[in-house]
Structures are given as structure tokens and as C-alpha cells.
Amino acid sequence: MPYRDINDLPQNVTEHLPKHAQEIYLAAFNNAWDEYGHEEERAHRVAWSAVKKKYQKDESSGQWKAIDKA
């Protein structure tokens, strides 16, 4: 099931990711949902992969932060 907006995302996504990362997750999930024939588990994996291209989890704080490209 595709998500309409970030408020519909799973709790583990909305509680831990910043808003922009949630938007990335939403777009990637919905695209993968359509592309891979409604395979929910696969769509979640694709969505997390997309988030990890721009964000990383800070091991000390547990917070997701944008990757510094500098």
C-alpha cells in the first residue's frame, strides 16, 4: 500500500528520521511499490536505501543526520 503523506509512514520512520528524510522515504517507497509489483518488504528496503544515501545514523546519539558532503 503506497503512503499518501509522511504522517502515514510507519512509526519507526516518523519517530527517528528528520522530515526531509521522511519525504525521501515516502517517495522511494511509493516508487518501489509500483516498480516491483506491490512487494511491501522490498519497497521498505528500497526506501531505507534511498534515505541512507543522504542521511546516516549518529551512533552516539542515535539521531539521523544529513551526510556532510564537504
PDB file of N, CA and C in Angstrom:
ATOM      1  N   MET A   1       0.823  -1.171   0.000  1.00  0.00           N
ATOM      2  CA  MET A   1       0.000   0.000   0.000  1.00  0.00           C
ATOM      3  C   MET A   1       0.872   1.241   0.000  1.00  0.00           C
ATOM      4  N   PRO A   2       0.753   2.072  -0.991  1.00  0.00           N
ATOM      5  CA  PRO A   2       1.543   3.306  -1.015  1.00  0.00           C
ATOM      6  C   PRO A   2       1.071   4.261   0.080  1.00  0.00           C
ATOM      7  N   TYR A   3       1.942   5.144   0.471  1.00  0.00           N
ATOM      8  CA  TYR A   3       1.623   6.116   1.523  1.00  0.00           C
ATOM      9  C   TYR A   3       1.224   7.438   0.889  1.00  0.00           C
ATOM     10  N   ARG A   4       0.214   8.084   1.449  1.00  0.00           N
ATOM     11  CA  ARG A   4      -0.254   9.366   0.919  1.00  0.00           C
ATOM     12  C   ARG A   4       0.639  10.521   1.347  1.00  0.00           C
ATOM     13  N   ASP A   5       1.017  10.538   2.614  1.00  0.00           N
ATOM     14  CA  ASP A   5       1.921  11.589   3.096  1.00  0.00           C
ATOM     15  C   ASP A   5       2.747  11.053   4.254  1.00  0.00           C
ATOM     16  N   ILE A   6       3.664  11.866   4.747  1.00  0.00           N
ATOM     17  CA  ILE A   6       4.599  11.378   5.759  1.00  0.00           C
ATOM     18  C   ILE A   6       3.918  10.981   7.064  1.00  0.00           C
ATOM     19  N   ASN A   7       2.744  11.512   7.327  1.00  0.00           N
ATOM     20  CA  ASN A   7       2.019  11.132   8.547  1.00  0.00           C
ATOM     21  C   ASN A   7       1.539   9.683   8.508  1.00  0.00           C
ATOM     22  N   ASP A   8       1.498   9.104   7.319  1.00  0.00           N
ATOM     23  CA  ASP A   8       1.054   7.718   7.167  1.00  0.00           C
ATOM     24  C   ASP A   8       2.193   6.711   7.265  1.00  0.00           C
ATOM     25  N   LEU A   9       3.426   7.190   7.303  1.00  0.00           N
ATOM     26  CA  LEU A   9       4.590   6.295   7.336  1.00  0.00           C
ATOM     27  C   LEU A   9       4.627   5.496   8.633  1.00  0.00           C
ATOM     28  N   PRO A  10       5.337   4.375   8.641  1.00  0.00           N
ATOM     29  CA  PRO A  10       5.460   3.571   9.866  1.00  0.00           C
ATOM     30  C   PRO A  10       6.082   4.395  11.010  1.00  0.00           C
ATOM     31  N   GLN A  11       5.716   4.046  12.194  1.00  0.00           N
ATOM     32  CA  GLN A  11       6.162   4.773  13.385  1.00  0.00           C
ATOM     33  C   GLN A  11       7.683   4.807  13.504  1.00  0.00           C
ATOM     34  N   ASN A  12       8.371   3.722  13.165  1.00  0.00           N
ATOM     35  CA  ASN A  12       9.824   3.714  13.296  1.00  0.00           C
ATOM     36  C   ASN A  12      10.474   4.701  12.324  1.00  0.00           C
ATOM     37  N   VAL A  13       9.784   5.064  11.264  1.00  0.00           N
ATOM     38  CA  VAL A  13      10.291   6.061  10.323  1.00  0.00           C
ATOM     39  C   VAL A  13      10.010   7.465  10.856  1.00  0.00           C
ATOM     40  N   THR A  14       8.781   7.719  11.246  1.00  0.00           N
ATOM     41  CA  THR A  14       8.408   9.067  11.674  1.00  0.00           C
ATOM     42  C   THR A  14       9.055   9.473  13.000  1.00  0.00           C
ATOM     43  N   GLU A  15       9.340   8.517  13.854  1.00  0.00           N
ATOM     44  CA  GLU A  15       9.940   8.848  15.150  1.00  0.00           C
ATOM     45  C   GLU A  15      11.438   9.118  15.067  1.00  0.00           C
ATOM     46  N   HIS A  16      12.098   8.598  14.044  1.00  0.00           N
ATOM     47  CA  HIS A  16      13.547   8.656  14.028  1.00  0.00           C
ATOM     48  C   HIS A  16      14.150   9.502  12.915  1.00  0.00           C
ATOM     49  N   LEU A  17      13.431   9.662  11.812  1.00  0.00           N
ATOM     50  CA  LEU A  17      14.008  10.397  10.689  1.00  0.00           C
ATOM     51  C   LEU A  17      13.543  11.841  10.675  1.00  0.00           C
ATOM     52  N   PRO A  18      14.436  12.762  10.283  1.00  0.00           N
ATOM     53  CA  PRO A  18      14.005  14.148  10.097  1.00  0.00           C
ATOM     54  C   PRO A  18      13.010  14.238   8.933  1.00  0.00           C
ATOM     55  N   LYS A  19      12.299  15.349   8.850  1.00  0.00           N
ATOM     56  CA  LYS A  19      11.238  15.500   7.854  1.00  0.00           C
ATOM     57  C   LYS A  19      11.727  15.247   6.430  1.00  0.00           C
ATOM     58  N   HIS A  20      12.855  15.812   6.045  1.00  0.00           N
ATOM     59  CA  HIS A  20      13.339  15.627   4.674  1.00  0.00           C
ATOM     60  C   HIS A  20      13.629  14.154   4.402  1.00  0.00           C
ATOM     61  N   ALA A  21      14.188  13.448   5.353  1.00  0.00           N
ATOM     62  CA  ALA A  21      14.461  12.020   5.189  1.00  0.00           C
ATOM     63  C   ALA A  21      13.153  11.233   5.072  1.00  0.00           C
ATOM     64  N   GLN A  22      12.128  11.664   5.787  1.00  0.00           N
ATOM     65  CA  GLN A  22      10.815  11.026   5.680  1.00  0.00           C
ATOM     66  C   GLN A  22      10.243  11.223   4.277  1.00  0.00           C
ATOM     67  N   GLU A  23      10.454  12.402   3.715  1.00  0.00           N
ATOM     68  CA  GLU A  23       9.978  12.677   2.358  1.00  0.00           C
ATOM     69  C   GLU A  23      10.710  11.793   1.341  1.00  0.00           C
ATOM     70  N   ILE A  24      11.998  11.599   1.540  1.00  0.00           N
ATOM     71  CA  ILE A  24      12.776  10.699   0.683  1.00  0.00           C
ATOM     72  C   ILE A  24      12.229   9.278   0.796  1.00  0.00           C
ATOM     73  N   TYR A  25      11.991   8.846   2.030  1.00  0.00           N
ATOM     74  CA  TYR A  25      11.474   7.502   2.280  1.00  0.00           C
ATOM     75  C   TYR A  25      10.132   7.312   1.574  1.00  0.00           C
ATOM     76  N   LEU A  26       9.245   8.268   1.736  1.00  0.00           N
ATOM     77  CA  LEU A  26       7.919   8.193   1.126  1.00  0.00           C
ATOM     78  C   LEU A  26       8.011   8.062  -0.393  1.00  0.00           C
ATOM     79  N   ALA A  27       8.780   8.915  -1.022  1.00  0.00           N
ATOM     80  CA  ALA A  27       8.897   8.886  -2.481  1.00  0.00           C
ATOM     81  C   ALA A  27       9.520   7.575  -2.959  1.00  0.00           C
ATOM     82  N   ALA A  28      10.571   7.143  -2.291  1.00  0.00           N
ATOM     83  CA  ALA A  28      11.244   5.908  -2.692  1.00  0.00           C
ATOM     84  C   ALA A  28      10.342   4.693  -2.483  1.00  0.00           C
ATOM     85  N   PHE A  29       9.644   4.654  -1.363  1.00  0.00           N
ATOM     86  CA  PHE A  29       8.738   3.532  -1.094  1.00  0.00           C
ATOM     87  C   PHE A  29       7.659   3.450  -2.166  1.00  0.00           C
ATOM     88  N   ASN A  30       7.000   4.573  -2.426  1.00  0.00           N
ATOM     89  CA  ASN A  30       5.900   4.568  -3.387  1.00  0.00           C
ATOM     90  C   ASN A  30       6.375   4.194  -4.789  1.00  0.00           C
ATOM     91  N   ASN A  31       7.547   4.663  -5.167  1.00  0.00           N
ATOM     92  CA  ASN A  31       8.096   4.316  -6.474  1.00  0.00           C
ATOM     93  C   ASN A  31       8.405   2.815  -6.538  1.00  0.00           C
ATOM     94  N   ALA A  32       9.052   2.296  -5.505  1.00  0.00           N
ATOM     95  CA  ALA A  32       9.395   0.868  -5.474  1.00  0.00           C
ATOM     96  C   ALA A  32       8.138   0.006  -5.407  1.00  0.00           C
ATOM     97  N   TRP A  33       7.132   0.470  -4.714  1.00  0.00           N
ATOM     98  CA  TRP A  33       5.868  -0.255  -4.619  1.00  0.00           C
ATOM     99  C   TRP A  33       5.304  -0.501  -6.014  1.00  0.00           C
ATOM    100  N   ASP A  34       5.313   0.538  -6.816  1.00  0.00           N
ATOM    101  CA  ASP A  34       4.801   0.412  -8.185  1.00  0.00           C
ATOM    102  C   ASP A  34       5.747  -0.403  -9.070  1.00  0.00           C
ATOM    103  N   GLU A  35       7.030  -0.113  -8.945  1.00  0.00           N
ATOM    104  CA  GLU A  35       8.021  -0.742  -9.826  1.00  0.00           C
ATOM    105  C   GLU A  35       8.155  -2.242  -9.599  1.00  0.00           C
ATOM    106  N   TYR A  36       8.057  -2.682  -8.357  1.00  0.00           N
ATOM    107  CA  TYR A  36       8.295  -4.086  -8.039  1.00  0.00           C
ATOM    108  C   TYR A  36       7.021  -4.870  -7.732  1.00  0.00           C
ATOM    109  N   GLY A  37       5.912  -4.458  -8.296  1.00  0.00           N
ATOM    110  CA  GLY A  37       4.686  -5.246  -8.203  1.00  0.00           C
ATOM    111  C   GLY A  37       4.101  -5.368  -6.815  1.00  0.00           C
ATOM    112  N   HIS A  38       4.132  -4.281  -6.063  1.00  0.00           N
ATOM    113  CA  HIS A  38       3.492  -4.205  -4.746  1.00  0.00           C
ATOM    114  C   HIS A  38       4.121  -5.136  -3.711  1.00  0.00           C
ATOM    115  N   GLU A  39       5.421  -5.312  -3.796  1.00  0.00           N
ATOM    116  CA  GLU A  39       6.157  -6.099  -2.793  1.00  0.00           C
ATOM    117  C   GLU A  39       6.541  -5.170  -1.646  1.00  0.00           C
ATOM    118  N   GLU A  40       5.781  -5.233  -0.558  1.00  0.00           N
ATOM    119  CA  GLU A  40       5.953  -4.285   0.539  1.00  0.00           C
ATOM    120  C   GLU A  40       7.337  -4.363   1.185  1.00  0.00           C
ATOM    121  N   GLU A  41       7.805  -5.553   1.484  1.00  0.00           N
ATOM    122  CA  GLU A  41       9.106  -5.687   2.139  1.00  0.00           C
ATOM    123  C   GLU A  41      10.217  -5.106   1.271  1.00  0.00           C
ATOM    124  N   ARG A  42      10.156  -5.399   0.000  1.00  0.00           N
ATOM    125  CA  ARG A  42      11.161  -4.881  -0.926  1.00  0.00           C
ATOM    126  C   ARG A  42      11.080  -3.354  -1.021  1.00  0.00           C
ATOM    127  N   ALA A  43       9.879  -2.810  -1.041  1.00  0.00           N
ATOM    128  CA  ALA A  43       9.707  -1.359  -1.107  1.00  0.00           C
ATOM    129  C   ALA A  43      10.291  -0.680   0.127  1.00  0.00           C
ATOM    130  N   HIS A  44      10.141  -1.295   1.305  1.00  0.00           N
ATOM    131  CA  HIS A  44      10.739  -0.735   2.520  1.00  0.00           C
ATOM    132  C   HIS A  44      12.269  -0.767   2.436  1.00  0.00           C
ATOM    133  N   ARG A  45      12.824  -1.851   1.919  1.00  0.00           N
ATOM    134  CA  ARG A  45      14.284  -1.938   1.769  1.00  0.00           C
ATOM    135  C   ARG A  45      14.801  -0.857   0.820  1.00  0.00           C
ATOM    136  N   VAL A  46      14.102  -0.656  -0.272  1.00  0.00           N
ATOM    137  CA  VAL A  46      14.489   0.378  -1.237  1.00  0.00           C
ATOM    138  C   VAL A  46      14.408   1.753  -0.584  1.00  0.00           C
ATOM    139  N   ALA A  47      13.358   1.993   0.174  1.00  0.00           N
ATOM    140  CA  ALA A  47      13.173   3.289   0.830  1.00  0.00           C
ATOM    141  C   ALA A  47      14.298   3.574   1.826  1.00  0.00           C
ATOM    142  N   TRP A  48      14.656   2.576   2.637  1.00  0.00           N
ATOM    143  CA  TRP A  48      15.761   2.777   3.588  1.00  0.00           C
ATOM    144  C   TRP A  48      17.070   3.014   2.848  1.00  0.00           C
ATOM    145  N   SER A  49      17.277   2.323   1.768  1.00  0.00           N
ATOM    146  CA  SER A  49      18.485   2.512   0.975  1.00  0.00           C
ATOM    147  C   SER A  49      18.565   3.942   0.444  1.00  0.00           C
ATOM    148  N   ALA A  50      17.442   4.468  -0.009  1.00  0.00           N
ATOM    149  CA  ALA A  50      17.402   5.843  -0.516  1.00  0.00           C
ATOM    150  C   ALA A  50      17.731   6.843   0.590  1.00  0.00           C
ATOM    151  N   VAL A  51      17.192   6.618   1.778  1.00  0.00           N
ATOM    152  CA  VAL A  51      17.473   7.508   2.912  1.00  0.00           C
ATOM    153  C   VAL A  51      18.966   7.476   3.251  1.00  0.00           C
ATOM    154  N   LYS A  52      19.548   6.295   3.235  1.00  0.00           N
ATOM    155  CA  LYS A  52      20.953   6.142   3.624  1.00  0.00           C
ATOM    156  C   LYS A  52      21.925   6.766   2.632  1.00  0.00           C
ATOM    157  N   LYS A  53      21.457   7.143   1.461  1.00  0.00           N
ATOM    158  CA  LYS A  53      22.310   7.860   0.510  1.00  0.00           C
ATOM    159  C   LYS A  53      22.508   9.311   0.928  1.00  0.00           C
ATOM    160  N   LYS A  54      21.564   9.846   1.703  1.00  0.00           N
ATOM    161  CA  LYS A  54      21.614  11.253   2.107  1.00  0.00           C
ATOM    162  C   LYS A  54      21.775  11.454   3.622  1.00  0.00           C
ATOM    163  N   TYR A  55      21.445  10.423   4.398  1.00  0.00           N
ATOM    164  CA  TYR A  55      21.460  10.524   5.857  1.00  0.00           C
ATOM    165  C   TYR A  55      22.208   9.342   6.454  1.00  0.00           C
ATOM    166  N   GLN A  56      22.758   9.580   7.635  1.00  0.00           N
ATOM    167  CA  GLN A  56      23.389   8.495   8.373  1.00  0.00           C
ATOM    168  C   GLN A  56      23.007   8.611   9.839  1.00  0.00           C
ATOM    169  N   LYS A  57      22.993   7.478  10.490  1.00  0.00           N
ATOM    170  CA  LYS A  57      22.638   7.443  11.902  1.00  0.00           C
ATOM    171  C   LYS A  57      23.880   7.712  12.736  1.00  0.00           C
ATOM    172  N   ASP A  58      23.796   8.699  13.598  1.00  0.00           N
ATOM    173  CA  ASP A  58      24.885   9.012  14.503  1.00  0.00           C
ATOM    174  C   ASP A  58      24.867   7.964  15.615  1.00  0.00           C
ATOM    175  N   GLU A  59      25.920   7.185  15.692  1.00  0.00           N
ATOM    176  CA  GLU A  59      25.957   6.069  16.646  1.00  0.00           C
ATOM    177  C   GLU A  59      25.903   6.522  18.106  1.00  0.00           C
ATOM    178  N   SER A  60      26.459   7.686  18.415  1.00  0.00           N
ATOM    179  CA  SER A  60      26.466   8.133  19.804  1.00  0.00           C
ATOM    180  C   SER A  60      25.103   8.654  20.255  1.00  0.00           C
ATOM    181  N   SER A  61      24.401   9.377  19.369  1.00  0.00           N
ATOM    182  CA  SER A  61      23.113   9.951  19.761  1.00  0.00           C
ATOM    183  C   SER A  61      21.918   9.138  19.262  1.00  0.00           C
ATOM    184  N   GLY A  62      22.153   8.327  18.228  1.00  0.00           N
ATOM    185  CA  GLY A  62      21.048   7.571  17.642  1.00  0.00           C
ATOM    186  C   GLY A  62      20.187   8.387  16.688  1.00  0.00           C
ATOM    187  N   GLN A  63      20.541   9.640  16.473  1.00  0.00           N
ATOM    188  CA  GLN A  63      19.795  10.519  15.586  1.00  0.00           C
ATOM    189  C   GLN A  63      20.292  10.399  14.153  1.00  0.00           C
ATOM    190  N   TRP A  64      19.379  10.515  13.179  1.00  0.00           N
ATOM    191  CA  TRP A  64      19.735  10.503  11.772  1.00  0.00           C
ATOM    192  C   TRP A  64      20.080  11.936  11.356  1.00  0.00           C
ATOM    193  N   LYS A  65      21.237  12.091  10.714  1.00  0.00           N
ATOM    194  CA  LYS A  65      21.713  13.411  10.304  1.00  0.00           C
ATOM    195  C   LYS A  65      22.126  13.370   8.846  1.00  0.00           C
ATOM    196  N   ALA A  66      21.952  14.530   8.196  1.00  0.00           N
ATOM    197  CA  ALA A  66      22.351  14.632   6.788  1.00  0.00           C
ATOM    198  C   ALA A  66      23.850  14.379   6.675  1.00  0.00           C
ATOM    199  N   ILE A  67      24.222  13.675   5.609  1.00  0.00           N
ATOM    200  CA  ILE A  67      25.632  13.396   5.364  1.00  0.00           C
ATOM    201  C   ILE A  67      26.296  14.662   4.857  1.00  0.00           C
ATOM    202  N   ASP A  68      27.376  15.036   5.489  1.00  0.00           N
ATOM    203  CA  ASP A  68      28.125  16.226   5.100  1.00  0.00           C
ATOM    204  C   ASP A  68      28.980  15.883   3.889  1.00  0.00           C
ATOM    205  N   LYS A  69      28.743  16.564   2.784  1.00  0.00           N
ATOM    206  CA  LYS A  69      29.457  16.284   1.529  1.00  0.00           C
ATOM    207  C   LYS A  69      30.765  17.069   1.427  1.00  0.00           C
ATOM    208  N   ALA A  70      31.117  17.801   2.433  1.00  0.00           N
ATOM    209  CA  ALA A  70      32.319  18.636   2.369  1.00  0.00           C
ATOM    210  C   ALA A  70      33.602  17.852   2.386  1.00  0.00           C
TER     211      ALA A  70
END
